[in-house]
Amino acid sequence: MPNVCCVTGCFNRSNKDSQYTFHRIPTVDSARSISFQNLTEKRRRAWLAKINRKTINDKTVKPWTRLCSKHFVSGTPAGVHDVTHPDWVPSFDMGYECHKGSLDKIKRGERR
């Protein structure tokens, strides 16, 4: 079964000719320290807020829900601890009007 991007208006699918890779919505890692658990929980909430769909929230998100690489600056999400990286949460072409402040953060990350 091919993966389909969950972002509104994005119709990318995984197949043998696809140029996109697909990434899961982060899960909360409760097996580690409390600080790491809080960080993964914060990241998950940020991803769900960026996806901004009524049908996808913390209680209804399924394990097979994916985002394509089109929504990240570098094409892949940043590491969990790299909070200042622009790819810590998806930010491009999210299916709704994006604020100018988000674009400034991306440009600042590219200059780094």
PDB file of N, CA and C in Angstrom:
ATOM      1  N   MET A   1       0.847  -1.174   0.000  1.00  0.00           N
ATOM      2  CA  MET A   1       0.000   0.000   0.000  1.00  0.00           C
ATOM      3  C   MET A   1       0.896   1.243   0.000  1.00  0.00           C
ATOM      4  N   PRO A   2       0.693   2.151  -0.935  1.00  0.00           N
ATOM      5  CA  PRO A   2       1.553   3.333  -0.994  1.00  0.00           C
ATOM      6  C   PRO A   2       1.222   4.334   0.112  1.00  0.00           C
ATOM      7  N   ASN A   3       2.246   5.087   0.501  1.00  0.00           N
ATOM      8  CA  ASN A   3       2.047   6.170   1.458  1.00  0.00           C
ATOM      9  C   ASN A   3       1.481   7.378   0.739  1.00  0.00           C
ATOM     10  N   VAL A   4       0.630   8.117   1.436  1.00  0.00           N
ATOM     11  CA  VAL A   4       0.041   9.342   0.898  1.00  0.00           C
ATOM     12  C   VAL A   4       0.314  10.442   1.906  1.00  0.00           C
ATOM     13  N   CYS A   5       0.708  11.610   1.423  1.00  0.00           N
ATOM     14  CA  CYS A   5       1.000  12.731   2.304  1.00  0.00           C
ATOM     15  C   CYS A   5      -0.296  13.239   2.946  1.00  0.00           C
ATOM     16  N   CYS A   6      -0.239  13.552   4.253  1.00  0.00           N
ATOM     17  CA  CYS A   6      -1.445  13.952   4.994  1.00  0.00           C
ATOM     18  C   CYS A   6      -1.699  15.461   4.966  1.00  0.00           C
ATOM     19  N   VAL A   7      -0.837  16.227   4.319  1.00  0.00           N
ATOM     20  CA  VAL A   7      -1.012  17.678   4.263  1.00  0.00           C
ATOM     21  C   VAL A   7      -2.130  18.024   3.282  1.00  0.00           C
ATOM     22  N   THR A   8      -2.984  18.959   3.683  1.00  0.00           N
ATOM     23  CA  THR A   8      -4.100  19.381   2.837  1.00  0.00           C
ATOM     24  C   THR A   8      -3.585  19.906   1.500  1.00  0.00           C
ATOM     25  N   GLY A   9      -4.108  19.377   0.422  1.00  0.00           N
ATOM     26  CA  GLY A   9      -3.739  19.841  -0.911  1.00  0.00           C
ATOM     27  C   GLY A   9      -2.487  19.203  -1.473  1.00  0.00           C
ATOM     28  N   CYS A  10      -1.810  18.367  -0.718  1.00  0.00           N
ATOM     29  CA  CYS A  10      -0.617  17.666  -1.209  1.00  0.00           C
ATOM     30  C   CYS A  10      -1.042  16.265  -1.634  1.00  0.00           C
ATOM     31  N   PHE A  11      -0.797  15.928  -2.865  1.00  0.00           N
ATOM     32  CA  PHE A  11      -1.252  14.649  -3.395  1.00  0.00           C
ATOM     33  C   PHE A  11      -0.088  13.712  -3.710  1.00  0.00           C
ATOM     34  N   ASN A  12       1.053  13.918  -3.062  1.00  0.00           N
ATOM     35  CA  ASN A  12       2.209  13.061  -3.299  1.00  0.00           C
ATOM     36  C   ASN A  12       1.972  11.686  -2.719  1.00  0.00           C
ATOM     37  N   ARG A  13       2.388  10.693  -3.493  1.00  0.00           N
ATOM     38  CA  ARG A  13       2.242   9.293  -3.095  1.00  0.00           C
ATOM     39  C   ARG A  13       3.586   8.606  -3.286  1.00  0.00           C
ATOM     40  N   SER A  14       3.814   7.589  -2.482  1.00  0.00           N
ATOM     41  CA  SER A  14       5.046   6.816  -2.670  1.00  0.00           C
ATOM     42  C   SER A  14       4.776   5.720  -3.690  1.00  0.00           C
ATOM     43  N   ASN A  15       5.599   5.674  -4.669  1.00  0.00           N
ATOM     44  CA  ASN A  15       5.600   4.591  -5.643  1.00  0.00           C
ATOM     45  C   ASN A  15       7.017   4.494  -6.197  1.00  0.00           C
ATOM     46  N   LYS A  16       7.242   3.618  -7.115  1.00  0.00           N
ATOM     47  CA  LYS A  16       8.619   3.412  -7.576  1.00  0.00           C
ATOM     48  C   LYS A  16       9.188   4.623  -8.307  1.00  0.00           C
ATOM     49  N   ASP A  17       8.344   5.508  -8.833  1.00  0.00           N
ATOM     50  CA  ASP A  17       8.822   6.693  -9.544  1.00  0.00           C
ATOM     51  C   ASP A  17       8.813   7.951  -8.682  1.00  0.00           C
ATOM     52  N   SER A  18       8.460   7.837  -7.421  1.00  0.00           N
ATOM     53  CA  SER A  18       8.325   9.008  -6.557  1.00  0.00           C
ATOM     54  C   SER A  18       9.682   9.607  -6.209  1.00  0.00           C
ATOM     55  N   GLN A  19       9.745  10.921  -6.256  1.00  0.00           N
ATOM     56  CA  GLN A  19      10.973  11.616  -5.880  1.00  0.00           C
ATOM     57  C   GLN A  19      10.966  11.996  -4.403  1.00  0.00           C
ATOM     58  N   TYR A  20       9.868  11.728  -3.715  1.00  0.00           N
ATOM     59  CA  TYR A  20       9.720  12.128  -2.324  1.00  0.00           C
ATOM     60  C   TYR A  20       9.904  10.942  -1.379  1.00  0.00           C
ATOM     61  N   THR A  21      10.444  11.252  -0.197  1.00  0.00           N
ATOM     62  CA  THR A  21      10.479  10.268   0.871  1.00  0.00           C
ATOM     63  C   THR A  21       9.396  10.650   1.869  1.00  0.00           C
ATOM     64  N   PHE A  22       8.940   9.690   2.630  1.00  0.00           N
ATOM     65  CA  PHE A  22       7.837   9.935   3.560  1.00  0.00           C
ATOM     66  C   PHE A  22       8.291   9.729   4.994  1.00  0.00           C
ATOM     67  N   HIS A  23       7.794  10.592   5.883  1.00  0.00           N
ATOM     68  CA  HIS A  23       8.223  10.587   7.277  1.00  0.00           C
ATOM     69  C   HIS A  23       7.010  10.503   8.193  1.00  0.00           C
ATOM     70  N   ARG A  24       7.148   9.718   9.249  1.00  0.00           N
ATOM     71  CA  ARG A  24       6.071   9.566  10.224  1.00  0.00           C
ATOM     72  C   ARG A  24       5.998  10.772  11.151  1.00  0.00           C
ATOM     73  N   ILE A  25       4.822  11.005  11.679  1.00  0.00           N
ATOM     74  CA  ILE A  25       4.659  12.029  12.712  1.00  0.00           C
ATOM     75  C   ILE A  25       5.364  11.501  13.957  1.00  0.00           C
ATOM     76  N   PRO A  26       6.186  12.326  14.599  1.00  0.00           N
ATOM     77  CA  PRO A  26       6.945  11.848  15.759  1.00  0.00           C
ATOM     78  C   PRO A  26       6.039  11.320  16.872  1.00  0.00           C
ATOM     79  N   THR A  27       6.529  10.325  17.565  1.00  0.00           N
ATOM     80  CA  THR A  27       5.811   9.777  18.711  1.00  0.00           C
ATOM     81  C   THR A  27       6.468  10.269  19.999  1.00  0.00           C
ATOM     82  N   VAL A  28       5.746  10.179  21.077  1.00  0.00           N
ATOM     83  CA  VAL A  28       6.284  10.551  22.385  1.00  0.00           C
ATOM     84  C   VAL A  28       7.036   9.339  22.926  1.00  0.00           C
ATOM     85  N   ASP A  29       8.315   9.533  23.210  1.00  0.00           N
ATOM     86  CA  ASP A  29       9.158   8.447  23.702  1.00  0.00           C
ATOM     87  C   ASP A  29       9.150   8.450  25.225  1.00  0.00           C
ATOM     88  N   SER A  30       8.314   7.608  25.805  1.00  0.00           N
ATOM     89  CA  SER A  30       8.184   7.578  27.265  1.00  0.00           C
ATOM     90  C   SER A  30       9.169   6.619  27.925  1.00  0.00           C
ATOM     91  N   ALA A  31       9.994   5.935  27.144  1.00  0.00           N
ATOM     92  CA  ALA A  31      10.952   4.985  27.698  1.00  0.00           C
ATOM     93  C   ALA A  31      12.235   5.669  28.168  1.00  0.00           C
ATOM     94  N   ARG A  32      12.406   6.925  27.831  1.00  0.00           N
ATOM     95  CA  ARG A  32      13.624   7.651  28.193  1.00  0.00           C
ATOM     96  C   ARG A  32      13.359   8.615  29.334  1.00  0.00           C
ATOM     97  N   SER A  33      14.276   9.554  29.514  1.00  0.00           N
ATOM     98  CA  SER A  33      14.175  10.508  30.622  1.00  0.00           C
ATOM     99  C   SER A  33      12.963  11.425  30.461  1.00  0.00           C
ATOM    100  N   ILE A  34      12.587  12.075  31.534  1.00  0.00           N
ATOM    101  CA  ILE A  34      11.445  12.989  31.526  1.00  0.00           C
ATOM    102  C   ILE A  34      11.700  14.157  30.577  1.00  0.00           C
ATOM    103  N   SER A  35      12.915  14.681  30.565  1.00  0.00           N
ATOM    104  CA  SER A  35      13.213  15.823  29.686  1.00  0.00           C
ATOM    105  C   SER A  35      13.100  15.423  28.216  1.00  0.00           C
ATOM    106  N   PHE A  36      13.566  14.208  27.864  1.00  0.00           N
ATOM    107  CA  PHE A  36      13.445  13.734  26.485  1.00  0.00           C
ATOM    108  C   PHE A  36      11.986  13.481  26.138  1.00  0.00           C
ATOM    109  N   GLN A  37      11.234  12.945  27.077  1.00  0.00           N
ATOM    110  CA  GLN A  37       9.814  12.714  26.867  1.00  0.00           C
ATOM    111  C   GLN A  37       9.099  14.037  26.618  1.00  0.00           C
ATOM    112  N   ASN A  38       9.413  15.069  27.388  1.00  0.00           N
ATOM    113  CA  ASN A  38       8.799  16.390  27.197  1.00  0.00           C
ATOM    114  C   ASN A  38       9.174  16.980  25.842  1.00  0.00           C
ATOM    115  N   LEU A  39      10.430  16.785  25.426  1.00  0.00           N
ATOM    116  CA  LEU A  39      10.878  17.303  24.136  1.00  0.00           C
ATOM    117  C   LEU A  39      10.143  16.618  22.986  1.00  0.00           C
ATOM    118  N   THR A  40       9.995  15.281  23.044  1.00  0.00           N
ATOM    119  CA  THR A  40       9.294  14.575  21.969  1.00  0.00           C
ATOM    120  C   THR A  40       7.809  14.927  21.959  1.00  0.00           C
ATOM    121  N   GLU A  41       7.248  15.169  23.131  1.00  0.00           N
ATOM    122  CA  GLU A  41       5.842  15.585  23.202  1.00  0.00           C
ATOM    123  C   GLU A  41       5.653  16.977  22.599  1.00  0.00           C
ATOM    124  N   LYS A  42       6.573  17.879  22.883  1.00  0.00           N
ATOM    125  CA  LYS A  42       6.530  19.236  22.323  1.00  0.00           C
ATOM    126  C   LYS A  42       6.651  19.198  20.799  1.00  0.00           C
ATOM    127  N   ARG A  43       7.555  18.346  20.302  1.00  0.00           N
ATOM    128  CA  ARG A  43       7.750  18.229  18.856  1.00  0.00           C
ATOM    129  C   ARG A  43       6.502  17.655  18.178  1.00  0.00           C
ATOM    130  N   ARG A  44       5.914  16.647  18.775  1.00  0.00           N
ATOM    131  CA  ARG A  44       4.702  16.046  18.203  1.00  0.00           C
ATOM    132  C   ARG A  44       3.573  17.072  18.111  1.00  0.00           C
ATOM    133  N   ARG A  45       3.382  17.843  19.193  1.00  0.00           N
ATOM    134  CA  ARG A  45       2.345  18.881  19.175  1.00  0.00           C
ATOM    135  C   ARG A  45       2.634  19.931  18.114  1.00  0.00           C
ATOM    136  N   ALA A  46       3.915  20.292  17.925  1.00  0.00           N
ATOM    137  CA  ALA A  46       4.291  21.277  16.906  1.00  0.00           C
ATOM    138  C   ALA A  46       3.996  20.748  15.498  1.00  0.00           C
ATOM    139  N   TRP A  47       4.299  19.485  15.261  1.00  0.00           N
ATOM    140  CA  TRP A  47       4.005  18.887  13.957  1.00  0.00           C
ATOM    141  C   TRP A  47       2.504  18.888  13.695  1.00  0.00           C
ATOM    142  N   LEU A  48       1.723  18.461  14.672  1.00  0.00           N
ATOM    143  CA  LEU A  48       0.270  18.414  14.492  1.00  0.00           C
ATOM    144  C   LEU A  48      -0.307  19.805  14.298  1.00  0.00           C
ATOM    145  N   ALA A  49       0.253  20.802  14.961  1.00  0.00           N
ATOM    146  CA  ALA A  49      -0.202  22.182  14.774  1.00  0.00           C
ATOM    147  C   ALA A  49       0.130  22.674  13.370  1.00  0.00           C
ATOM    148  N   LYS A  50       1.287  22.300  12.850  1.00  0.00           N
ATOM    149  CA  LYS A  50       1.669  22.712  11.493  1.00  0.00           C
ATOM    150  C   LYS A  50       0.821  22.013  10.434  1.00  0.00           C
ATOM    151  N   ILE A  51       0.464  20.753  10.675  1.00  0.00           N
ATOM    152  CA  ILE A  51      -0.392  20.027   9.722  1.00  0.00           C
ATOM    153  C   ILE A  51      -1.759  20.685   9.656  1.00  0.00           C
ATOM    154  N   ASN A  52      -2.265  21.121  10.805  1.00  0.00           N
ATOM    155  CA  ASN A  52      -3.459  21.964  10.876  1.00  0.00           C
ATOM    156  C   ASN A  52      -4.679  21.350  10.178  1.00  0.00           C
ATOM    157  N   ARG A  53      -4.996  20.108  10.531  1.00  0.00           N
ATOM    158  CA  ARG A  53      -6.195  19.462   9.991  1.00  0.00           C
ATOM    159  C   ARG A  53      -7.105  19.075  11.140  1.00  0.00           C
ATOM    160  N   LYS A  54      -8.400  19.273  10.941  1.00  0.00           N
ATOM    161  CA  LYS A  54      -9.364  18.930  11.979  1.00  0.00           C
ATOM    162  C   LYS A  54      -9.423  17.432  12.232  1.00  0.00           C
ATOM    163  N   THR A  55      -9.165  16.642  11.200  1.00  0.00           N
ATOM    164  CA  THR A  55      -9.271  15.191  11.331  1.00  0.00           C
ATOM    165  C   THR A  55      -8.011  14.548  11.904  1.00  0.00           C
ATOM    166  N   ILE A  56      -6.932  15.311  12.011  1.00  0.00           N
ATOM    167  CA  ILE A  56      -5.688  14.760  12.555  1.00  0.00           C
ATOM    168  C   ILE A  56      -5.324  15.534  13.813  1.00  0.00           C
ATOM    169  N   ASN A  57      -5.445  14.873  14.948  1.00  0.00           N
ATOM    170  CA  ASN A  57      -5.009  15.463  16.208  1.00  0.00           C
ATOM    171  C   ASN A  57      -4.315  14.376  17.025  1.00  0.00           C
ATOM    172  N   ASP A  58      -3.916  14.697  18.237  1.00  0.00           N
ATOM    173  CA  ASP A  58      -3.128  13.765  19.043  1.00  0.00           C
ATOM    174  C   ASP A  58      -3.859  12.449  19.303  1.00  0.00           C
ATOM    175  N   LYS A  59      -5.159  12.482  19.376  1.00  0.00           N
ATOM    176  CA  LYS A  59      -5.922  11.265  19.673  1.00  0.00           C
ATOM    177  C   LYS A  59      -6.299  10.471  18.421  1.00  0.00           C
ATOM    178  N   THR A  60      -6.404  11.140  17.271  1.00  0.00           N
ATOM    179  CA  THR A  60      -6.859  10.454  16.069  1.00  0.00           C
ATOM    180  C   THR A  60      -5.750  10.124  15.076  1.00  0.00           C
ATOM    181  N   VAL A  61      -4.533  10.593  15.311  1.00  0.00           N
ATOM    182  CA  VAL A  61      -3.451  10.328  14.358  1.00  0.00           C
ATOM    183  C   VAL A  61      -3.126   8.828  14.363  1.00  0.00           C
ATOM    184  N   LYS A  62      -2.975   8.276  13.185  1.00  0.00           N
ATOM    185  CA  LYS A  62      -2.713   6.850  13.016  1.00  0.00           C
ATOM    186  C   LYS A  62      -1.220   6.620  12.800  1.00  0.00           C
ATOM    187  N   PRO A  63      -0.704   5.434  13.106  1.00  0.00           N
ATOM    188  CA  PRO A  63       0.728   5.164  12.920  1.00  0.00           C
ATOM    189  C   PRO A  63       1.177   5.248  11.464  1.00  0.00           C
ATOM    190  N   TRP A  64       0.268   5.091  10.529  1.00  0.00           N
ATOM    191  CA  TRP A  64       0.634   5.140   9.115  1.00  0.00           C
ATOM    192  C   TRP A  64       0.513   6.543   8.514  1.00  0.00           C
ATOM    193  N   THR A  65       0.170   7.538   9.318  1.00  0.00           N
ATOM    194  CA  THR A  65       0.079   8.914   8.827  1.00  0.00           C
ATOM    195  C   THR A  65       1.474   9.419   8.498  1.00  0.00           C
ATOM    196  N   ARG A  66       1.651   9.958   7.299  1.00  0.00           N
ATOM    197  CA  ARG A  66       2.976  10.375   6.825  1.00  0.00           C
ATOM    198  C   ARG A  66       2.937  11.774   6.203  1.00  0.00           C
ATOM    199  N   LEU A  67       4.110  12.406   6.189  1.00  0.00           N
ATOM    200  CA  LEU A  67       4.335  13.667   5.484  1.00  0.00           C
ATOM    201  C   LEU A  67       5.439  13.421   4.470  1.00  0.00           C
ATOM    202  N   CYS A  68       5.337  14.047   3.308  1.00  0.00           N
ATOM    203  CA  CYS A  68       6.389  13.857   2.311  1.00  0.00           C
ATOM    204  C   CYS A  68       7.522  14.872   2.528  1.00  0.00           C
ATOM    205  N   SER A  69       8.647  14.595   1.911  1.00  0.00           N
ATOM    206  CA  SER A  69       9.846  15.415   2.077  1.00  0.00           C
ATOM    207  C   SER A  69       9.694  16.812   1.483  1.00  0.00           C
ATOM    208  N   LYS A  70       8.658  17.044   0.708  1.00  0.00           N
ATOM    209  CA  LYS A  70       8.402  18.352   0.101  1.00  0.00           C
ATOM    210  C   LYS A  70       8.184  19.435   1.156  1.00  0.00           C
ATOM    211  N   HIS A  71       7.781  19.066   2.348  1.00  0.00           N
ATOM    212  CA  HIS A  71       7.409  20.030   3.378  1.00  0.00           C
ATOM    213  C   HIS A  71       8.561  20.406   4.316  1.00  0.00           C
ATOM    214  N   PHE A  72       9.779  19.970   3.978  1.00  0.00           N
ATOM    215  CA  PHE A  72      10.962  20.275   4.780  1.00  0.00           C
ATOM    216  C   PHE A  72      11.982  21.025   3.935  1.00  0.00           C
ATOM    217  N   VAL A  73      12.725  21.913   4.550  1.00  0.00           N
ATOM    218  CA  VAL A  73      13.732  22.717   3.848  1.00  0.00           C
ATOM    219  C   VAL A  73      14.777  21.806   3.210  1.00  0.00           C
ATOM    220  N   SER A  74      15.305  20.884   3.988  1.00  0.00           N
ATOM    221  CA  SER A  74      16.363  20.004   3.484  1.00  0.00           C
ATOM    222  C   SER A  74      15.826  18.693   2.920  1.00  0.00           C
ATOM    223  N   GLY A  75      14.546  18.460   3.037  1.00  0.00           N
ATOM    224  CA  GLY A  75      13.944  17.227   2.538  1.00  0.00           C
ATOM    225  C   GLY A  75      13.767  16.155   3.600  1.00  0.00           C
ATOM    226  N   THR A  76      14.379  16.357   4.769  1.00  0.00           N
ATOM    227  CA  THR A  76      14.226  15.412   5.868  1.00  0.00           C
ATOM    228  C   THR A  76      14.056  16.173   7.177  1.00  0.00           C
ATOM    229  N   PRO A  77      13.359  15.596   8.138  1.00  0.00           N
ATOM    230  CA  PRO A  77      13.214  16.269   9.432  1.00  0.00           C
ATOM    231  C   PRO A  77      14.545  16.298  10.187  1.00  0.00           C
ATOM    232  N   ALA A  78      14.725  17.327  10.997  1.00  0.00           N
ATOM    233  CA  ALA A  78      15.926  17.443  11.830  1.00  0.00           C
ATOM    234  C   ALA A  78      15.831  16.482  13.005  1.00  0.00           C
ATOM    235  N   GLY A  79      16.933  16.294  13.686  1.00  0.00           N
ATOM    236  CA  GLY A  79      16.962  15.433  14.865  1.00  0.00           C
ATOM    237  C   GLY A  79      16.124  16.000  16.001  1.00  0.00           C
ATOM    238  N   VAL A  80      15.796  15.165  16.948  1.00  0.00           N
ATOM    239  CA  VAL A  80      14.941  15.555  18.065  1.00  0.00           C
ATOM    240  C   VAL A  80      15.566  16.687  18.877  1.00  0.00           C
ATOM    241  N   HIS A  81      16.859  16.635  19.101  1.00  0.00           N
ATOM    242  CA  HIS A  81      17.532  17.633  19.942  1.00  0.00           C
ATOM    243  C   HIS A  81      17.874  18.923  19.197  1.00  0.00           C
ATOM    244  N   ASP A  82      17.713  18.945  17.894  1.00  0.00           N
ATOM    245  CA  ASP A  82      18.084  20.113  17.089  1.00  0.00           C
ATOM    246  C   ASP A  82      16.901  21.082  16.978  1.00  0.00           C
ATOM    247  N   VAL A  83      16.485  21.637  18.097  1.00  0.00           N
ATOM    248  CA  VAL A  83      15.275  22.454  18.202  1.00  0.00           C
ATOM    249  C   VAL A  83      15.348  23.712  17.358  1.00  0.00           C
ATOM    250  N   THR A  84      16.529  24.285  17.148  1.00  0.00           N
ATOM    251  CA  THR A  84      16.655  25.542  16.406  1.00  0.00           C
ATOM    252  C   THR A  84      16.692  25.340  14.889  1.00  0.00           C
ATOM    253  N   HIS A  85      16.796  24.114  14.442  1.00  0.00           N
ATOM    254  CA  HIS A  85      16.839  23.830  12.999  1.00  0.00           C
ATOM    255  C   HIS A  85      15.464  24.077  12.382  1.00  0.00           C
ATOM    256  N   PRO A  86      15.412  24.679  11.186  1.00  0.00           N
ATOM    257  CA  PRO A  86      14.102  24.940  10.566  1.00  0.00           C
ATOM    258  C   PRO A  86      13.321  23.677  10.222  1.00  0.00           C
ATOM    259  N   ASP A  87      13.993  22.547  10.113  1.00  0.00           N
ATOM    260  CA  ASP A  87      13.301  21.295   9.799  1.00  0.00           C
ATOM    261  C   ASP A  87      12.894  20.511  11.035  1.00  0.00           C
ATOM    262  N   TRP A  88      12.935  21.129  12.211  1.00  0.00           N
ATOM    263  CA  TRP A  88      12.463  20.449  13.413  1.00  0.00           C
ATOM    264  C   TRP A  88      10.971  20.160  13.287  1.00  0.00           C
ATOM    265  N   VAL A  89      10.258  21.057  12.607  1.00  0.00           N
ATOM    266  CA  VAL A  89       8.851  20.853  12.243  1.00  0.00           C
ATOM    267  C   VAL A  89       8.718  21.132  10.755  1.00  0.00           C
ATOM    268  N   PRO A  90       7.777  20.507  10.065  1.00  0.00           N
ATOM    269  CA  PRO A  90       7.575  20.806   8.646  1.00  0.00           C
ATOM    270  C   PRO A  90       7.113  22.250   8.470  1.00  0.00           C
ATOM    271  N   SER A  91       7.537  22.898   7.385  1.00  0.00           N
ATOM    272  CA  SER A  91       7.202  24.318   7.245  1.00  0.00           C
ATOM    273  C   SER A  91       6.854  24.766   5.829  1.00  0.00           C
ATOM    274  N   PHE A  92       7.136  23.988   4.815  1.00  0.00           N
ATOM    275  CA  PHE A  92       6.871  24.406   3.439  1.00  0.00           C
ATOM    276  C   PHE A  92       5.563  23.844   2.912  1.00  0.00           C
ATOM    277  N   ASP A  93       4.831  24.675   2.178  1.00  0.00           N
ATOM    278  CA  ASP A  93       3.657  24.207   1.436  1.00  0.00           C
ATOM    279  C   ASP A  93       2.722  23.364   2.298  1.00  0.00           C
ATOM    280  N   MET A  94       2.276  23.933   3.400  1.00  0.00           N
ATOM    281  CA  MET A  94       1.478  23.178   4.365  1.00  0.00           C
ATOM    282  C   MET A  94      -0.022  23.205   4.071  1.00  0.00           C
ATOM    283  N   GLY A  95      -0.419  23.688   2.932  1.00  0.00           N
ATOM    284  CA  GLY A  95      -1.818  23.643   2.540  1.00  0.00           C
ATOM    285  C   GLY A  95      -2.641  24.812   3.046  1.00  0.00           C
ATOM    286  N   TYR A  96      -1.987  25.791   3.639  1.00  0.00           N
ATOM    287  CA  TYR A  96      -2.663  26.992   4.110  1.00  0.00           C
ATOM    288  C   TYR A  96      -1.659  28.134   4.071  1.00  0.00           C
ATOM    289  N   GLU A  97      -2.158  29.329   4.176  1.00  0.00           N
ATOM    290  CA  GLU A  97      -1.325  30.531   4.147  1.00  0.00           C
ATOM    291  C   GLU A  97      -0.365  30.528   5.334  1.00  0.00           C
ATOM    292  N   CYS A  98       0.898  30.729   5.066  1.00  0.00           N
ATOM    293  CA  CYS A  98       1.910  30.713   6.135  1.00  0.00           C
ATOM    294  C   CYS A  98       2.277  32.149   6.507  1.00  0.00           C
ATOM    295  N   HIS A  99       2.610  32.361   7.754  1.00  0.00           N
ATOM    296  CA  HIS A  99       2.953  33.696   8.228  1.00  0.00           C
ATOM    297  C   HIS A  99       4.376  34.071   7.836  1.00  0.00           C
ATOM    298  N   LYS A 100       4.616  35.350   7.675  1.00  0.00           N
ATOM    299  CA  LYS A 100       5.933  35.836   7.288  1.00  0.00           C
ATOM    300  C   LYS A 100       6.994  35.442   8.309  1.00  0.00           C
ATOM    301  N   GLY A 101       6.653  35.369   9.568  1.00  0.00           N
ATOM    302  CA  GLY A 101       7.600  34.992  10.606  1.00  0.00           C
ATOM    303  C   GLY A 101       8.191  33.614  10.378  1.00  0.00           C
ATOM    304  N   SER A 102       7.411  32.688   9.851  1.00  0.00           N
ATOM    305  CA  SER A 102       7.908  31.346   9.575  1.00  0.00           C
ATOM    306  C   SER A 102       8.959  31.374   8.486  1.00  0.00           C
ATOM    307  N   LEU A 103       8.740  32.179   7.460  1.00  0.00           N
ATOM    308  CA  LEU A 103       9.709  32.278   6.378  1.00  0.00           C
ATOM    309  C   LEU A 103      11.005  32.914   6.859  1.00  0.00           C
ATOM    310  N   ASP A 104      10.916  33.869   7.776  1.00  0.00           N
ATOM    311  CA  ASP A 104      12.118  34.479   8.337  1.00  0.00           C
ATOM    312  C   ASP A 104      12.942  33.450   9.092  1.00  0.00           C
ATOM    313  N   LYS A 105      12.303  32.554   9.818  1.00  0.00           N
ATOM    314  CA  LYS A 105      13.020  31.507  10.548  1.00  0.00           C
ATOM    315  C   LYS A 105      13.747  30.577   9.587  1.00  0.00           C
ATOM    316  N   ILE A 106      13.112  30.259   8.475  1.00  0.00           N
ATOM    317  CA  ILE A 106      13.716  29.379   7.482  1.00  0.00           C
ATOM    318  C   ILE A 106      14.949  30.050   6.889  1.00  0.00           C
ATOM    319  N   LYS A 107      14.824  31.311   6.529  1.00  0.00           N
ATOM    320  CA  LYS A 107      15.968  32.026   5.953  1.00  0.00           C
ATOM    321  C   LYS A 107      17.105  32.113   6.951  1.00  0.00           C
ATOM    322  N   ARG A 108      16.784  32.341   8.213  1.00  0.00           N
ATOM    323  CA  ARG A 108      17.807  32.417   9.258  1.00  0.00           C
ATOM    324  C   ARG A 108      18.506  31.063   9.384  1.00  0.00           C
ATOM    325  N   GLY A 109      17.747  29.966   9.302  1.00  0.00           N
ATOM    326  CA  GLY A 109      18.340  28.639   9.371  1.00  0.00           C
ATOM    327  C   GLY A 109      19.243  28.344   8.195  1.00  0.00           C
ATOM    328  N   GLU A 110      18.878  28.817   7.011  1.00  0.00           N
ATOM    329  CA  GLU A 110      19.717  28.617   5.830  1.00  0.00           C
ATOM    330  C   GLU A 110      21.020  29.390   5.941  1.00  0.00           C
ATOM    331  N   ARG A 111      20.975  30.579   6.545  1.00  0.00           N
ATOM    332  CA  ARG A 111      22.196  31.379   6.700  1.00  0.00           C
ATOM    333  C   ARG A 111      23.173  30.735   7.668  1.00  0.00           C
ATOM    334  N   ARG A 112      22.647  29.968   8.614  1.00  0.00           N
ATOM    335  CA  ARG A 112      23.522  29.279   9.569  1.00  0.00           C
ATOM    336  C   ARG A 112      24.401  28.355   8.829  1.00  0.00           C
TER     337      ARG A 112
END
